Amino acid sequence: MNRPRTNRAYVAALFDLPFNDLLFQAATVHRQHFDPNAVQLSQLLSIKTGACPEDCSYCPQSARYKTGLERERLMAVESVLEKARAAKEGGATRYCMGAAWRSPRDKDVDQLVEMVKGVRALGMETCVTAGMLSETQAQRLSEAGLDYYNHNLDTAPEHYGKIITTRTYADRLDTLRAVRQAGMKVCCGGIVGLGEERKHRVGLLVELANLPTPPESVPINMLVKVPGTPLSDTPALDPIEFVRTIAVARILMPTSHVRLSAGRQQMTDELQSLCFFAGANSIFCGEKLLTTDNPGNRDAMLFAKLGLHAEPHACPAKPTEAVEAPLAELAVDEGACCDPSSGCGPSPSTSPARSAVDGLLAETVGGFIDIARRQAVRRTRRLRGAGQRD
């Protein structure tokens, strides 16, 4: 599908919007494509821990850093399925399996195939993150029924070399291409708080939005500073800037699930609430991610306070043709913000109050898009006048 490519000037202008205006626009786009009170629940399990040869500066699983993490071999298939059953009982609809490899060996893929088949047999969606894949390995996982493959871009291309040197940006894009060609969905996002500047957050989101097909799942991670890693003393990212990143991701990728991912353990309820309002509609549930802590039971209390509910199962948003089109062109069928068969909450048409609110939002959000476009034009002109190119 040919889609118009977004550019950095436009995305920078979105980041520069007054905070309330940005959140208003993001929340409106979110409502046009999803039930705004439904959150997709995934659970993540480290099926092979530590001893990774890569030098990702944020990662406690790298063999290069002394973080006190104990190495663990690849788990047995039945052990993984036992934990998947517990995750399903806890409300998770997608089970994500992570292995700390640069790339799996073919015999490792044999076991991954069995894990995927077993989890799918439980009626859950499946996701795997296991490093770089060859085309043949991607095809095998697809044939096993793998729904999603996670492979993050981490940061903007020009900042990437300061974070990782053992794997290139092109390597990551090659794996994403192999995953797509094999027919799987893509889970791809990044990490903020790595010591980057706003222009790098802009660059990351532009790269994600300009992939041939935007990722169906976009995890936005806040750096978890683990002692022993090179980034352990990195200054914390301002929480409002994190919310801005979530909001811009929602606007640029309106039909993707935007996951509020790592770092939630350190976030206040108020910060998470702003993220949900800005368009985040997916989280990892449970008390552990791969190796770091997660809020666990605290999520149920927050959901109750906010009136949020779990998305029962996969709720694919309706496809959109453009990321910079006026809202009227982005809108899906007004009678259903999700696939009606998904059961993921009421559609706008079933609630007069919500219909009235959505109508008001639709009338005004176009103005905010126009503001962002005008700011993008002014920014581009200034750069050209200074002899620079964005």
Protein backbone atom coordinates (compact mmCIF):
# COMPACT_ATOMS: atom_id res chain seq x y z
CA MET A 1 0.00 0.00 0.00
CA ASN A 2 1.41 3.40 -0.99
CA ARG A 3 1.15 5.81 1.94
CA PRO A 4 2.36 9.39 2.16
CA ARG A 5 5.58 9.56 4.14
CA THR A 6 5.70 11.78 7.18
CA ASN A 7 8.64 14.09 7.80
CA ARG A 8 10.57 15.37 10.78
CA ALA A 9 9.37 18.96 10.50
CA TYR A 10 5.75 17.84 10.79
CA VAL A 11 6.47 15.54 13.74
CA ALA A 12 8.56 18.18 15.51
CA ALA A 13 5.64 20.59 15.12
CA LEU A 14 3.36 18.06 16.80
CA PHE A 15 5.77 17.79 19.73
CA ASP A 16 5.80 21.61 19.96
CA LEU A 17 2.02 21.96 20.27
CA PRO A 18 0.69 23.24 23.60
CA PHE A 19 0.31 20.21 25.84
CA ASN A 20 -3.48 20.38 26.10
CA ASP A 21 -3.84 20.78 22.35
CA LEU A 22 -1.58 17.80 21.66
CA LEU A 23 -3.47 15.56 24.08
CA PHE A 24 -6.81 16.69 22.69
CA GLN A 25 -5.74 15.80 19.17
CA ALA A 26 -4.24 12.43 20.22
CA ALA A 27 -7.31 11.48 22.26
CA THR A 28 -9.56 12.34 19.32
CA VAL A 29 -7.58 10.21 16.89
CA HIS A 30 -7.64 7.39 19.43
CA ARG A 31 -11.43 7.55 19.72
CA GLN A 32 -11.81 7.40 15.95
CA HIS A 33 -10.13 3.99 15.84
CA PHE A 34 -10.49 2.30 19.23
CA ASP A 35 -12.70 2.04 22.27
CA PRO A 36 -10.91 4.70 24.39
CA ASN A 37 -11.44 2.72 27.60
CA ALA A 38 -10.19 -0.67 26.38
CA VAL A 39 -6.60 -1.74 27.05
CA GLN A 40 -4.97 -4.78 25.46
CA LEU A 41 -3.23 -6.98 28.06
CA SER A 42 -0.06 -8.91 27.20
CA GLN A 43 2.19 -10.88 29.49
CA LEU A 44 5.92 -11.26 28.95
CA LEU A 45 8.17 -14.15 29.93
CA SER A 46 11.93 -14.42 29.64
CA ILE A 47 12.38 -17.91 28.21
CA LYS A 48 16.19 -17.58 28.00
CA THR A 49 17.92 -15.08 30.26
CA GLY A 50 21.30 -13.34 30.14
CA ALA A 51 24.61 -14.08 28.40
CA CYS A 52 23.68 -11.99 25.36
CA PRO A 53 26.78 -11.00 23.33
CA GLU A 54 25.32 -7.63 22.28
CA ASP A 55 26.39 -4.35 23.91
CA CYS A 56 23.00 -2.58 24.19
CA SER A 57 23.83 0.07 26.80
CA TYR A 58 20.48 -0.20 28.57
CA CYS A 59 20.27 -3.97 28.88
CA PRO A 60 21.09 -6.00 32.01
CA GLN A 61 21.14 -9.18 29.91
CA SER A 62 24.34 -8.23 28.10
CA ALA A 63 27.26 -10.48 29.02
CA ARG A 64 29.47 -7.37 28.92
CA TYR A 65 28.00 -5.78 32.06
CA LYS A 66 28.03 -6.86 35.69
CA THR A 67 24.45 -6.45 36.80
CA GLY A 68 24.08 -9.46 39.09
CA LEU A 69 21.65 -11.11 36.70
CA GLU A 70 21.75 -14.90 36.78
CA ARG A 71 22.01 -16.65 33.43
CA GLU A 72 19.31 -19.16 32.57
CA ARG A 73 19.16 -21.62 29.69
CA LEU A 74 16.24 -21.85 27.31
CA MET A 75 13.20 -23.05 29.22
CA ALA A 76 11.51 -26.34 28.50
CA VAL A 77 8.39 -26.10 26.34
CA GLU A 78 6.04 -27.43 29.03
CA SER A 79 7.39 -24.95 31.60
CA VAL A 80 6.59 -22.09 29.22
CA LEU A 81 3.08 -23.43 28.58
CA GLU A 82 2.43 -23.76 32.31
CA LYS A 83 3.20 -20.07 32.80
CA ALA A 84 1.11 -19.20 29.73
CA ARG A 85 -1.91 -20.92 31.27
CA ALA A 86 -1.46 -18.86 34.42
CA ALA A 87 -1.17 -15.69 32.34
CA LYS A 88 -4.42 -16.47 30.55
CA GLU A 89 -6.17 -17.06 33.87
CA GLY A 90 -4.86 -13.65 34.96
CA GLY A 91 -6.52 -11.92 31.99
CA ALA A 92 -3.71 -11.74 29.43
CA THR A 93 -4.80 -12.23 25.83
CA ARG A 94 -1.33 -12.18 24.25
CA TYR A 95 1.68 -14.13 25.48
CA CYS A 96 5.10 -12.74 24.65
CA MET A 97 8.22 -14.90 24.88
CA GLY A 98 11.64 -13.23 25.00
CA ALA A 99 15.03 -14.86 24.54
CA ALA A 100 18.36 -13.04 25.03
CA TRP A 101 20.07 -14.00 21.78
CA ARG A 102 21.80 -12.01 19.09
CA SER A 103 20.03 -14.41 16.76
CA PRO A 104 18.63 -17.90 17.40
CA ARG A 105 20.18 -21.07 16.06
CA ASP A 106 17.99 -23.30 13.92
CA LYS A 107 17.71 -25.83 16.77
CA ASP A 108 16.52 -23.01 19.04
CA VAL A 109 13.83 -22.20 16.48
CA ASP A 110 12.67 -25.83 16.73
CA GLN A 111 11.76 -25.21 20.38
CA LEU A 112 10.26 -21.80 19.66
CA VAL A 113 7.96 -23.42 17.11
CA GLU A 114 6.66 -25.86 19.74
CA MET A 115 6.14 -23.05 22.24
CA VAL A 116 4.18 -21.00 19.71
CA LYS A 117 1.97 -23.94 18.78
CA GLY A 118 1.32 -24.70 22.45
CA VAL A 119 0.39 -21.14 23.40
CA ARG A 120 -1.90 -20.77 20.39
CA ALA A 121 -3.64 -23.97 21.42
CA LEU A 122 -4.57 -22.18 24.65
CA GLY A 123 -6.46 -19.59 22.61
CA MET A 124 -3.94 -16.80 23.15
CA GLU A 125 -2.16 -14.55 20.67
CA THR A 126 1.57 -15.18 20.46
CA CYS A 127 4.59 -12.91 20.27
CA VAL A 128 8.29 -13.72 20.25
CA THR A 129 11.40 -11.57 20.56
CA ALA A 130 14.62 -13.48 19.97
CA GLY A 131 16.99 -11.20 18.08
CA MET A 132 17.73 -11.14 14.38
CA LEU A 133 15.97 -13.66 12.13
CA SER A 134 16.86 -15.07 8.76
CA GLU A 135 14.11 -15.28 6.15
CA THR A 136 13.95 -19.05 6.64
CA GLN A 137 13.58 -18.74 10.43
CA ALA A 138 10.88 -16.10 10.05
CA GLN A 139 8.99 -18.35 7.66
CA ARG A 140 9.16 -21.27 10.10
CA LEU A 141 7.75 -19.18 12.94
CA SER A 142 5.00 -17.88 10.69
CA GLU A 143 4.04 -21.39 9.65
CA ALA A 144 3.88 -22.36 13.34
CA GLY A 145 1.24 -19.67 13.78
CA LEU A 146 3.25 -16.87 15.42
CA ASP A 147 1.12 -13.74 15.41
CA TYR A 148 3.69 -11.04 16.27
CA TYR A 149 7.45 -10.75 16.20
CA ASN A 150 9.02 -8.01 18.31
CA HIS A 151 12.15 -6.25 17.12
CA ASN A 152 12.55 -2.66 18.31
CA LEU A 153 14.41 0.14 16.54
CA ASP A 154 15.27 1.57 20.01
CA THR A 155 16.07 5.14 18.94
CA ALA A 156 16.68 7.42 15.96
CA PRO A 157 19.27 6.28 13.38
CA GLU A 158 21.69 9.13 14.19
CA HIS A 159 21.60 8.38 17.93
CA TYR A 160 21.70 4.59 17.58
CA GLY A 161 25.50 4.27 17.51
CA LYS A 162 25.73 5.82 20.99
CA ILE A 163 23.53 3.06 22.39
CA ILE A 164 24.51 -0.08 20.44
CA THR A 165 27.54 -0.96 18.31
CA THR A 166 27.21 -4.72 17.82
CA ARG A 167 24.12 -4.60 15.60
CA THR A 168 23.37 -2.00 12.94
CA TYR A 169 20.15 -0.17 12.26
CA ALA A 170 20.08 -1.89 8.88
CA ASP A 171 20.25 -5.27 10.64
CA ARG A 172 17.09 -4.39 12.54
CA LEU A 173 15.29 -3.24 9.42
CA ASP A 174 16.31 -6.46 7.64
CA THR A 175 14.70 -8.54 10.38
CA LEU A 176 11.51 -6.46 10.24
CA ARG A 177 11.43 -7.00 6.47
CA ALA A 178 11.82 -10.76 6.89
CA VAL A 179 9.00 -10.82 9.46
CA ARG A 180 6.65 -8.93 7.14
CA GLN A 181 7.51 -11.06 4.13
CA ALA A 182 6.73 -14.17 6.17
CA GLY A 183 3.26 -12.83 6.87
CA MET A 184 3.57 -12.01 10.57
CA LYS A 185 2.51 -8.85 12.35
CA VAL A 186 5.20 -6.51 13.63
CA CYS A 187 5.72 -5.33 17.18
CA CYS A 188 8.26 -2.52 16.98
CA GLY A 189 8.92 0.56 19.07
CA GLY A 190 11.72 2.08 21.06
CA ILE A 191 13.11 3.37 24.33
CA VAL A 192 13.09 6.96 25.55
CA GLY A 193 15.17 8.40 28.36
CA LEU A 194 18.42 7.08 26.85
CA GLY A 195 20.01 10.50 27.11
CA GLU A 196 18.63 11.45 23.71
CA GLU A 197 17.31 14.85 22.68
CA ARG A 198 13.80 15.56 21.49
CA LYS A 199 14.99 15.50 17.88
CA HIS A 200 15.94 11.85 18.41
CA ARG A 201 12.46 11.00 19.71
CA VAL A 202 11.12 12.73 16.62
CA GLY A 203 13.46 10.65 14.46
CA LEU A 204 12.42 7.37 16.08
CA LEU A 205 8.70 8.00 15.53
CA VAL A 206 9.31 9.08 11.93
CA GLU A 207 11.17 5.82 11.27
CA LEU A 208 8.34 3.77 12.78
CA ALA A 209 5.57 5.64 10.96
CA ASN A 210 7.43 5.40 7.64
CA LEU A 211 7.93 1.63 7.68
CA PRO A 212 6.23 0.10 4.59
CA THR A 213 3.41 -0.93 6.91
CA PRO A 214 3.33 0.68 10.37
CA PRO A 215 3.77 -1.79 13.25
CA GLU A 216 0.51 -3.20 14.55
CA SER A 217 1.99 -2.94 18.05
CA VAL A 218 4.22 -0.03 19.10
CA PRO A 219 5.85 -0.42 22.54
CA ILE A 220 7.13 2.84 24.01
CA ASN A 221 9.56 2.05 26.82
CA MET A 222 10.85 4.39 29.50
CA LEU A 223 14.45 3.51 30.32
CA VAL A 224 14.75 1.34 33.43
CA LYS A 225 18.14 2.31 34.86
CA VAL A 226 19.77 -0.93 35.99
CA PRO A 227 22.96 -0.63 38.08
CA GLY A 228 25.93 -1.99 36.16
CA THR A 229 24.73 -0.89 32.73
CA PRO A 230 26.36 2.12 31.02
CA LEU A 231 23.11 4.11 31.18
CA SER A 232 22.45 3.55 34.88
CA ASP A 233 23.20 7.18 35.78
CA THR A 234 21.37 8.79 32.86
CA PRO A 235 19.22 11.78 33.90
CA ALA A 236 15.54 10.94 34.00
CA LEU A 237 13.31 12.03 31.13
CA ASP A 238 10.70 14.62 32.07
CA PRO A 239 7.34 12.79 32.49
CA ILE A 240 5.47 15.36 30.39
CA GLU A 241 7.89 14.70 27.53
CA PHE A 242 7.12 11.00 27.84
CA VAL A 243 3.40 11.72 27.53
CA ARG A 244 4.11 13.88 24.48
CA THR A 245 5.92 10.93 22.91
CA ILE A 246 2.92 8.66 23.50
CA ALA A 247 0.55 11.26 22.05
CA VAL A 248 2.60 11.82 18.89
CA ALA A 249 2.93 8.05 18.38
CA ARG A 250 -0.86 7.75 18.55
CA ILE A 251 -1.38 10.53 15.98
CA LEU A 252 1.19 9.13 13.55
CA MET A 253 0.06 5.50 13.85
CA PRO A 254 -3.68 5.78 14.50
CA THR A 255 -4.54 2.11 13.93
CA SER A 256 -1.66 0.63 15.96
CA HIS A 257 -1.83 -0.51 19.55
CA VAL A 258 0.52 1.84 21.42
CA ARG A 259 1.92 -0.04 24.38
CA LEU A 260 2.87 1.65 27.62
CA SER A 261 5.75 -0.71 28.14
CA ALA A 262 8.85 -0.87 30.39
CA GLY A 263 9.24 1.66 33.18
CA ARG A 264 5.67 1.60 34.49
CA GLN A 265 6.83 0.42 37.91
CA GLN A 266 8.40 3.84 38.42
CA MET A 267 5.42 5.77 37.01
CA THR A 268 2.75 7.37 39.17
CA ASP A 269 -0.92 6.62 38.58
CA GLU A 270 -1.29 10.19 37.36
CA LEU A 271 1.43 9.76 34.72
CA GLN A 272 -0.03 6.49 33.48
CA SER A 273 -3.48 8.06 33.34
CA LEU A 274 -2.20 10.84 31.10
CA CYS A 275 -0.60 8.22 28.86
CA PHE A 276 -3.89 6.33 28.51
CA PHE A 277 -5.67 9.58 27.69
CA ALA A 278 -2.96 10.38 25.11
CA GLY A 279 -3.64 7.11 23.28
CA ALA A 280 -1.75 4.29 25.00
CA ASN A 281 -4.00 1.22 24.81
CA SER A 282 -1.80 -1.76 25.62
CA ILE A 283 0.30 -2.80 28.63
CA PHE A 284 2.27 -5.73 29.94
CA CYS A 285 0.42 -7.15 32.94
CA GLY A 286 2.00 -9.22 35.71
CA GLU A 287 4.76 -8.47 38.20
CA LYS A 288 7.77 -9.04 35.92
CA LEU A 289 8.87 -8.05 32.42
CA LEU A 290 11.95 -9.85 31.11
CA THR A 291 14.16 -9.08 34.10
CA THR A 292 12.75 -5.88 35.63
CA ASP A 293 9.73 -5.26 37.87
CA ASN A 294 6.21 -4.45 36.66
CA PRO A 295 3.21 -3.05 38.61
CA GLY A 296 1.31 -6.35 38.86
CA ASN A 297 -1.82 -6.13 41.03
CA ARG A 298 -1.62 -2.33 41.10
CA ASP A 299 -3.01 -2.32 37.55
CA ALA A 300 -6.42 -3.61 38.65
CA MET A 301 -6.81 -0.77 41.12
CA LEU A 302 -5.78 1.81 38.53
CA PHE A 303 -8.17 0.38 35.93
CA ALA A 304 -11.00 0.55 38.47
CA LYS A 305 -10.26 4.19 39.28
CA LEU A 306 -10.12 5.16 35.61
CA GLY A 307 -13.02 3.04 34.39
CA LEU A 308 -10.77 1.09 32.01
CA HIS A 309 -11.41 -2.50 30.97
CA ALA A 310 -9.33 -5.21 29.37
CA GLU A 311 -9.69 -5.77 25.65
CA PRO A 312 -10.99 -9.37 25.51
CA HIS A 313 -8.89 -10.43 22.54
CA ALA A 314 -7.32 -9.07 19.36
CA CYS A 315 -9.10 -5.90 18.32
CA PRO A 316 -7.62 -4.82 14.97
CA ALA A 317 -8.34 -1.20 14.15
CA LYS A 318 -9.67 -0.33 10.72
CA PRO A 319 -6.86 0.50 8.26
CA THR A 320 -6.12 4.06 7.31
CA GLU A 321 -4.59 5.43 4.14
CA ALA A 322 -2.63 8.36 5.56
CA VAL A 323 -1.05 9.69 8.74
CA GLU A 324 -1.36 13.39 7.96
CA ALA A 325 -4.88 13.46 6.54
CA PRO A 326 -7.68 15.52 8.13
CA LEU A 327 -9.61 13.66 10.78
CA ALA A 328 -12.61 13.14 8.52
CA GLU A 329 -10.37 11.14 6.19
CA LEU A 330 -8.94 9.10 9.05
CA ALA A 331 -12.28 8.24 10.60
CA VAL A 332 -13.59 4.70 10.59
CA ASP A 333 -17.22 3.64 10.52
CA GLU A 334 -18.92 5.77 13.17
CA GLY A 335 -20.90 2.78 14.33
CA ALA A 336 -17.88 0.78 15.49
CA CYS A 337 -14.50 1.90 16.74
CA CYS A 338 -13.35 -1.71 16.91
CA ASP A 339 -14.23 -4.94 15.21
CA PRO A 340 -17.76 -5.57 16.59
CA SER A 341 -17.02 -9.28 16.93
CA SER A 342 -14.21 -8.54 19.37
CA GLY A 343 -16.54 -7.58 22.19
CA CYS A 344 -14.10 -4.93 23.38
CA GLY A 345 -16.60 -2.49 24.79
CA PRO A 346 -19.36 -0.24 23.48
CA SER A 347 -19.08 1.55 20.16
CA PRO A 348 -19.68 5.31 19.98
CA SER A 349 -23.17 4.84 18.54
CA THR A 350 -24.35 2.87 21.61
CA SER A 351 -23.72 5.81 23.95
CA PRO A 352 -25.45 9.17 23.28
CA ALA A 353 -23.07 10.94 25.65
CA ARG A 354 -20.01 9.51 23.91
CA SER A 355 -21.47 10.29 20.49
CA ALA A 356 -21.92 13.91 21.50
CA VAL A 357 -18.38 14.14 22.82
CA ASP A 358 -16.92 12.49 19.74
CA GLY A 359 -18.87 14.82 17.49
CA LEU A 360 -17.47 17.85 19.28
CA LEU A 361 -13.95 16.48 19.07
CA ALA A 362 -14.28 15.74 15.36
CA GLU A 363 -15.38 19.32 14.66
CA THR A 364 -12.34 20.88 16.30
CA VAL A 365 -9.41 18.51 15.88
CA GLY A 366 -8.88 19.53 12.27
CA GLY A 367 -7.81 22.90 13.56
CA PHE A 368 -5.02 21.35 15.58
CA ILE A 369 -3.80 19.41 12.57
CA ASP A 370 -3.72 22.67 10.62
CA ILE A 371 -1.69 24.27 13.41
CA ALA A 372 0.85 21.45 13.27
CA ARG A 373 1.12 21.75 9.50
CA ARG A 374 1.64 25.51 9.63
CA GLN A 375 4.32 25.10 12.28
CA ALA A 376 6.00 22.44 10.13
CA VAL A 377 6.07 24.83 7.16
CA ARG A 378 7.55 27.64 9.26
CA ARG A 379 10.15 25.31 10.74
CA THR A 380 11.17 24.07 7.29
CA ARG A 381 11.50 27.60 5.99
CA ARG A 382 13.72 28.58 8.92
CA LEU A 383 15.96 25.58 8.34
CA ARG A 384 16.26 26.37 4.65
CA GLY A 385 17.02 29.97 5.44
CA ALA A 386 19.85 28.88 7.70
CA GLY A 387 21.27 26.69 4.93
CA GLN A 388 20.26 23.46 6.67
CA ARG A 389 18.24 20.51 5.53
CA ASP A 390 15.96 18.54 7.83
